[in-house]
Protein backbone atom coordinates (compact mmCIF):
# COMPACT_ATOMS: atom_id res chain seq x y z
CA MET A 1 -0.36 -26.07 14.01
CA ALA A 2 1.66 -23.39 12.22
CA THR A 3 1.45 -19.91 13.57
CA ASN A 4 -1.76 -18.74 12.84
CA ALA A 5 -2.40 -15.82 10.25
CA PHE A 6 -4.98 -12.72 9.55
CA GLY A 7 -5.92 -11.27 6.78
CA ILE A 8 -6.89 -7.50 7.60
CA ASP A 9 -8.95 -5.14 5.22
CA LEU A 10 -9.18 -1.88 7.00
CA GLY A 11 -12.02 0.14 5.57
CA THR A 12 -13.04 3.70 6.30
CA ASN A 13 -16.92 2.55 7.40
CA ASN A 14 -15.79 -1.67 7.97
CA ILE A 15 -13.04 -3.19 9.24
CA LYS A 16 -12.70 -6.60 7.45
CA ILE A 17 -10.75 -9.56 9.44
CA TYR A 18 -10.22 -13.02 8.22
CA SER A 19 -8.57 -15.67 10.80
CA ARG A 20 -7.07 -18.63 9.63
CA SER A 21 -7.62 -20.70 12.65
CA ASP A 22 -11.19 -20.63 12.08
CA ASP A 23 -11.50 -20.18 8.42
CA HIS A 24 -14.11 -17.06 9.14
CA ILE A 25 -14.56 -13.15 8.27
CA MET A 26 -14.97 -11.01 10.70
CA VAL A 27 -16.54 -7.90 10.01
CA GLU A 28 -17.59 -5.05 11.99
CA LYS A 29 -18.24 -0.93 12.05
CA ASN A 30 -14.80 0.52 12.04
CA MET A 31 -15.59 2.90 15.17
CA ILE A 32 -14.63 3.94 18.67
CA ALA A 33 -16.42 5.18 21.11
CA ILE A 34 -14.10 7.28 23.65
CA GLU A 35 -15.73 8.79 27.12
CA ASN A 36 -13.95 11.45 28.71
CA LYS A 37 -11.24 12.02 26.09
CA ASN A 38 -9.32 8.69 27.46
CA THR A 39 -11.38 5.63 28.27
CA LEU A 40 -12.69 3.29 25.58
CA PHE A 41 -15.98 3.30 25.92
CA ALA A 42 -17.00 1.03 23.21
CA TYR A 43 -15.66 -0.10 19.55
CA GLY A 44 -17.37 -1.70 16.37
CA ASP A 45 -20.73 -2.18 15.83
CA SER A 46 -21.58 -1.27 19.54
CA ALA A 47 -19.72 2.31 19.02
CA PHE A 48 -21.79 2.76 15.48
CA GLU A 49 -25.17 1.88 17.49
CA MET A 50 -24.15 5.13 19.60
CA TYR A 51 -23.41 7.16 16.56
CA GLU A 52 -25.46 10.03 16.32
CA LYS A 53 -26.74 9.55 19.57
CA ALA A 54 -24.02 10.15 22.58
CA PRO A 55 -23.67 12.76 24.96
CA ASN A 56 -21.10 15.28 24.84
CA ASN A 57 -18.47 13.33 26.65
CA ILE A 58 -18.37 10.22 24.44
CA HIS A 59 -16.59 10.98 21.46
CA ILE A 60 -17.09 8.32 18.58
CA SER A 61 -15.29 8.63 15.52
CA TYR A 62 -13.87 6.73 12.38
CA PRO A 63 -10.04 6.37 12.88
CA LEU A 64 -9.65 5.87 9.21
CA SER A 65 -10.69 8.91 6.75
CA ASN A 66 -10.32 8.63 2.76
CA GLY A 67 -8.88 5.47 2.81
CA VAL A 68 -5.81 6.23 4.91
CA ILE A 69 -5.15 6.35 8.93
CA ALA A 70 -6.14 9.37 10.55
CA ASP A 71 -5.99 8.37 13.96
CA ILE A 72 -3.30 5.64 14.42
CA LYS A 73 -3.93 5.91 18.27
CA ASN A 74 -7.61 4.82 17.95
CA MET A 75 -6.69 2.91 15.06
CA GLU A 76 -4.21 0.48 17.09
CA LEU A 77 -6.26 0.13 19.94
CA LEU A 78 -9.25 -1.05 17.65
CA VAL A 79 -7.01 -3.61 16.08
CA ARG A 80 -5.38 -4.98 19.71
CA TYR A 81 -9.50 -5.40 20.42
CA PHE A 82 -10.50 -7.03 17.59
CA ILE A 83 -7.96 -9.19 17.10
CA SER A 84 -7.78 -10.10 20.99
CA ASP A 85 -11.61 -10.92 20.33
CA LEU A 86 -10.96 -13.68 17.68
CA GLN A 87 -7.72 -15.09 19.50
CA ARG A 88 -10.34 -15.23 22.41
CA GLY A 89 -7.74 -13.62 24.85
CA SER A 90 -4.93 -16.07 24.38
CA GLY A 91 -2.79 -13.42 22.76
CA LYS A 92 -0.69 -15.92 20.67
CA PRO A 93 1.89 -14.68 18.22
CA ALA A 94 0.37 -14.57 14.46
CA ASP A 95 1.48 -13.60 10.75
CA PHE A 96 -0.24 -10.46 9.22
CA PHE A 97 -1.66 -9.44 6.41
CA ILE A 98 -3.00 -6.49 5.50
CA ALA A 99 -4.34 -5.05 2.47
CA VAL A 100 -3.35 -0.76 1.44
CA PRO A 101 -5.07 1.00 -1.24
CA THR A 102 -2.41 1.65 -4.23
CA ASP A 103 -2.47 5.24 -5.21
CA VAL A 104 -1.39 6.74 -2.34
CA THR A 105 2.07 7.86 -0.68
CA GLU A 106 4.53 5.91 0.68
CA VAL A 107 4.36 7.36 4.62
CA GLU A 108 0.43 6.36 4.13
CA LYS A 109 1.43 3.29 3.32
CA ARG A 110 4.34 2.77 5.90
CA ALA A 111 1.43 3.63 8.36
CA PHE A 112 -0.56 0.46 7.70
CA TYR A 113 2.63 -1.08 8.52
CA ASP A 114 3.63 0.51 11.49
CA LEU A 115 -0.19 0.29 13.15
CA ILE A 116 0.13 -3.73 13.20
CA ARG A 117 3.44 -3.79 14.34
CA ASP A 118 2.49 -0.92 17.51
CA ALA A 119 -0.64 -2.41 18.15
CA GLY A 120 0.35 -5.00 20.64
CA VAL A 121 -0.69 -8.03 18.58
CA LYS A 122 2.56 -9.88 19.26
CA ALA A 123 3.26 -9.85 15.04
CA LYS A 124 5.89 -12.42 13.82
CA LYS A 125 5.61 -11.26 10.18
CA ILE A 126 3.87 -8.55 8.88
CA MET A 127 3.09 -8.45 4.65
CA VAL A 128 1.71 -5.72 2.86
CA VAL A 129 -0.77 -6.51 -0.23
CA GLU A 130 -1.90 -3.79 -2.94
CA LYS A 131 -6.10 -3.52 -2.46
CA ALA A 132 -6.68 -4.14 -5.84
CA VAL A 133 -4.80 -7.25 -6.05
CA ALA A 134 -6.23 -8.84 -3.13
CA ASP A 135 -9.59 -7.11 -4.71
CA GLY A 136 -8.92 -9.51 -7.75
CA LEU A 137 -8.45 -12.68 -5.87
CA GLY A 138 -11.37 -12.13 -3.97
CA LEU A 139 -13.34 -11.59 -7.24
CA ASP A 140 -11.83 -15.28 -8.64
CA ILE A 141 -9.56 -13.59 -11.09
CA ASP A 142 -6.18 -15.48 -11.38
CA VAL A 143 -4.38 -11.87 -11.23
CA LYS A 144 -1.05 -13.76 -11.87
CA ASN A 145 -1.71 -14.53 -15.44
CA SER A 146 -0.87 -11.58 -18.32
CA GLN A 147 -4.73 -10.76 -18.81
CA GLY A 148 -5.85 -7.13 -17.90
CA VAL A 149 -8.32 -6.59 -15.78
CA LEU A 150 -10.40 -3.89 -14.34
CA VAL A 151 -11.64 -3.64 -11.17
CA VAL A 152 -13.74 -0.56 -9.23
CA ASN A 153 -14.33 -0.77 -5.69
CA VAL A 154 -16.71 1.89 -4.12
CA GLY A 155 -16.00 1.97 -0.76
CA TYR A 156 -17.26 4.72 2.05
CA GLU A 157 -15.30 7.54 1.28
CA THR A 158 -13.27 6.78 -1.84
CA THR A 159 -13.84 4.66 -4.90
CA GLU A 160 -10.60 2.73 -6.59
CA ILE A 161 -9.83 2.10 -9.91
CA SER A 162 -7.02 -0.17 -10.77
CA ILE A 163 -5.92 -2.03 -13.73
CA LEU A 164 -4.22 -5.47 -13.13
CA SER A 165 -1.79 -7.90 -14.82
CA LEU A 166 0.86 -10.25 -14.00
CA GLY A 167 0.02 -10.17 -10.40
CA GLY A 168 0.88 -6.18 -10.21
CA ILE A 169 -1.08 -2.95 -10.72
CA VAL A 170 -0.79 -1.23 -14.34
CA LEU A 171 -2.88 2.02 -13.20
CA SER A 172 -4.77 2.74 -10.42
CA ARG A 173 -6.70 5.79 -9.51
CA LEU A 174 -7.98 6.72 -5.95
CA ILE A 175 -11.13 9.31 -6.15
CA LYS A 176 -12.48 10.63 -3.08
CA THR A 177 -16.25 9.31 -4.22
CA GLY A 178 -18.14 6.69 -2.43
CA GLY A 179 -21.18 5.59 0.20
CA LEU A 180 -20.39 8.70 2.19
CA LYS A 181 -20.96 11.25 -0.58
CA PHE A 182 -24.24 9.18 -1.66
CA ASP A 183 -25.14 9.73 1.71
CA GLU A 184 -24.92 13.27 2.16
CA ALA A 185 -26.51 14.15 -1.53
CA ILE A 186 -29.61 12.05 -0.17
CA ARG A 187 -29.51 14.03 2.72
CA ALA A 188 -28.88 17.42 0.82
CA ALA A 189 -31.95 16.48 -1.52
CA VAL A 190 -34.25 15.65 1.52
CA ARG A 191 -33.45 19.04 2.85
CA LYS A 192 -33.69 20.71 0.08
CA GLU A 193 -37.31 19.44 -1.27
CA PHE A 194 -38.81 18.51 1.81
CA SER A 195 -37.36 20.87 4.29
CA LEU A 196 -36.70 18.14 6.69
CA ILE A 197 -33.27 17.27 8.26
CA ILE A 198 -32.30 13.73 8.67
CA GLY A 199 -29.24 11.75 10.09
CA GLY A 200 -26.63 10.39 8.28
CA LYS A 201 -27.72 6.54 9.42
CA THR A 202 -31.34 7.19 8.20
CA ALA A 203 -29.83 8.26 4.52
CA GLU A 204 -27.68 5.50 4.66
CA THR A 205 -30.90 2.76 5.17
CA VAL A 206 -32.45 4.60 2.51
CA LYS A 207 -29.57 4.08 0.06
CA ILE A 208 -29.61 0.46 1.10
CA SER A 209 -33.21 -0.27 0.28
CA LEU A 210 -33.47 1.84 -2.87
CA SER A 211 -33.80 -1.05 -5.02
CA GLU A 212 -36.37 -2.95 -3.13
CA LEU A 213 -38.07 0.12 -2.63
CA GLU A 214 -38.25 0.78 -6.53
CA LYS A 215 -39.24 -3.00 -7.26
CA SER A 216 -42.18 -2.88 -4.95
CA GLY A 217 -43.32 0.82 -5.98
CA GLN A 218 -42.81 2.57 -2.96
CA GLY A 219 -41.59 5.65 -1.06
CA ALA A 220 -38.86 5.26 1.52
CA VAL A 221 -40.32 6.63 5.01
CA VAL A 222 -38.04 8.51 6.88
CA TYR A 223 -37.94 10.47 10.20
CA GLY A 224 -35.98 13.50 10.67
CA ARG A 225 -36.49 17.22 12.25
CA ASP A 226 -38.27 19.80 10.16
CA ILE A 227 -36.55 22.63 9.24
CA VAL A 228 -39.59 25.39 10.19
CA THR A 229 -41.14 23.96 12.93
CA GLY A 230 -37.85 22.20 14.84
CA LEU A 231 -40.51 19.30 15.35
CA PRO A 232 -39.91 15.47 14.55
CA VAL A 233 -41.91 14.07 11.72
CA GLU A 234 -41.75 11.57 9.48
CA ARG A 235 -42.16 12.27 5.74
CA GLU A 236 -42.62 9.45 2.76
CA ILE A 237 -39.63 10.00 -0.18
CA PRO A 238 -40.20 9.47 -3.75
CA THR A 239 -37.26 6.97 -5.25
CA LYS A 240 -36.83 9.26 -7.93
CA LEU A 241 -35.96 12.19 -5.87
CA VAL A 242 -33.18 9.97 -4.58
CA ASP A 243 -32.10 8.52 -8.09
CA LYS A 244 -31.47 11.85 -9.08
CA SER A 245 -29.82 13.08 -5.81
CA LEU A 246 -27.17 10.68 -6.62
CA GLU A 247 -26.42 11.27 -10.58
CA GLU A 248 -23.74 13.67 -9.99
CA HIS A 249 -21.73 10.96 -7.81
CA PHE A 250 -22.23 8.05 -10.43
CA ASN A 251 -21.22 10.22 -13.32
CA THR A 252 -17.66 11.04 -11.22
CA ILE A 253 -17.31 7.55 -11.21
CA VAL A 254 -17.92 6.88 -14.47
CA ASP A 255 -15.50 9.75 -15.89
CA ASN A 256 -13.12 8.47 -13.84
CA VAL A 257 -13.12 5.04 -15.42
CA LYS A 258 -12.89 6.43 -18.82
CA VAL A 259 -10.05 8.44 -17.82
CA ILE A 260 -8.22 5.12 -16.68
CA LEU A 261 -9.79 3.45 -19.95
CA GLU A 262 -8.25 6.18 -22.22
CA ARG A 263 -4.63 5.53 -20.73
CA THR A 264 -4.77 1.89 -21.20
CA PRO A 265 -2.05 0.05 -23.25
CA PRO A 266 -4.21 -1.27 -26.44
CA GLU A 267 -3.69 -4.94 -25.41
CA LEU A 268 -4.78 -4.76 -21.81
CA ALA A 269 -7.74 -2.67 -23.51
CA ALA A 270 -8.94 -5.71 -25.61
CA ASP A 271 -8.86 -8.08 -22.96
CA ILE A 272 -10.64 -5.45 -20.71
CA TYR A 273 -13.20 -4.93 -23.45
CA ARG A 274 -13.24 -8.94 -23.80
CA HIS A 275 -13.68 -9.39 -19.75
CA GLY A 276 -15.80 -6.13 -18.75
CA ILE A 277 -15.17 -4.41 -15.42
CA TYR A 278 -15.30 -6.12 -11.93
CA LEU A 279 -17.49 -4.03 -9.98
CA THR A 280 -16.81 -4.49 -5.90
CA GLY A 281 -16.92 -2.65 -2.70
CA GLY A 282 -19.58 -1.77 0.02
CA ALA A 283 -21.17 0.81 -1.50
CA SER A 284 -20.85 -0.68 -5.24
CA GLN A 285 -24.65 -2.19 -4.60
CA VAL A 286 -26.44 0.87 -4.48
CA SER A 287 -28.97 0.87 -7.09
CA HIS A 288 -28.52 1.80 -10.30
CA LEU A 289 -24.62 2.16 -10.13
CA ALA A 290 -23.76 -0.99 -12.14
CA GLU A 291 -26.32 0.18 -15.06
CA ARG A 292 -24.93 3.57 -15.17
CA LEU A 293 -21.46 2.16 -15.10
CA GLY A 294 -22.30 0.31 -18.05
CA MET A 295 -23.98 2.75 -19.96
CA GLY A 296 -21.35 5.20 -19.80
CA THR A 297 -18.59 2.68 -21.01
CA GLY A 298 -20.35 0.37 -22.92
CA LEU A 299 -18.70 -2.75 -21.21
CA LYS A 300 -19.87 -5.50 -19.54
CA ILE A 301 -19.86 -5.14 -15.64
CA ASN A 302 -19.24 -8.22 -13.52
CA VAL A 303 -20.94 -7.26 -10.12
CA SER A 304 -19.25 -8.89 -6.92
CA GLU A 305 -21.87 -11.61 -4.95
CA ASP A 306 -19.75 -10.52 -1.85
CA PRO A 307 -18.57 -6.92 -2.53
CA MET A 308 -17.84 -5.85 1.33
CA THR A 309 -15.76 -9.16 1.50
CA SER A 310 -13.59 -9.12 -1.87
CA VAL A 311 -10.55 -7.89 -0.75
CA VAL A 312 -10.86 -9.89 2.56
CA ALA A 313 -11.41 -13.09 0.84
CA GLY A 314 -8.60 -12.48 -1.10
CA LEU A 315 -6.19 -12.12 1.69
CA SER A 316 -7.54 -15.73 3.14
CA LYS A 317 -6.64 -17.09 -0.35
CA ILE A 318 -3.02 -15.31 -0.06
CA ILE A 319 -2.64 -17.24 3.34
CA LYS A 320 -3.99 -20.30 2.39
CA ASP A 321 -2.58 -20.73 -1.08
CA ASP A 322 1.36 -20.45 -1.68
CA ASN A 323 0.84 -20.29 -5.36
CA TYR A 324 -0.56 -16.40 -4.57
CA LYS A 325 2.19 -15.70 -1.73
CA SER A 326 4.68 -14.02 -4.02
CA VAL A 327 2.10 -11.18 -4.39
CA ALA A 328 2.76 -10.40 -0.95
CA TYR A 329 5.78 -7.80 0.23
CA VAL A 330 7.28 -6.65 3.34
CA ILE A 331 7.85 -2.67 2.91
CA GLU A 332 11.38 -1.74 2.27
CA GLY A 333 13.47 -1.27 5.11
CA MET A 334 11.03 -2.79 7.86
CA SER A 335 11.78 -6.44 7.46
CA LYS A 336 10.73 -8.31 10.66
């Protein structure tokens, strides 16, 4: 059989890896737990289980920050272990296709390449794919034609707004608003309204279950620490309070989409008007975001069926279909 190939989408919150040999996408938390500063204690979902609960000698962190690699040593460790898990320890050479954000510096882009090269995963070939192009393919858009497509990917710490045409990116903007900001807004609102401190995981659970709670007309039951008494308590939070806390961040995303639309060439703007906006990314499912984006821009919103894995699904298409290989490239001066 031909060399195996992996498609990697490094998200700040989740790492998604496609393996060609078993045609499967692995999704795990992009987290690492280090004990006593130098011993790997846990990684992925098991590290997330310990998050906000670990003693002082176990440091749990995200190696990515705002979509770029902040801790290359730990990120290399994570990639090595995840790839080894997928290869069941066989350690055979493989090709790697990695998605990178567009609106970052060349040095930050090169760090993604260096990461795979230095992670000890026996990379035969390392190809880079612009994240927005992979997103488009994952959303079943033929990115190689001349039609303009607007993709909004709402991630954990960043939102990437891109206009695609002819297999490339015409305009792109990366803003530091995403799922984490939504969680922080919920925590701040609960603290202000109920004098209650809740954890990040609790806020994330409220955010994810918001649409179901609204349908059933229930409030969100949360557990936290009362600021006044210092004791653990249970409270029911009305969904209206959560909605209101998220408004500001939704508006930031809408305003930035408008900025990109204002700079779009007229012919591409006509295409976007016809097709609407493609909304994807793990945090794009938050209740009312698609609705607010539609109202703010006056355009139709196409919501991804599987927003968490749209980028890595696009990478899998590039790996499997030679027709799309041309959208992947080698970083200059780094041919393998």
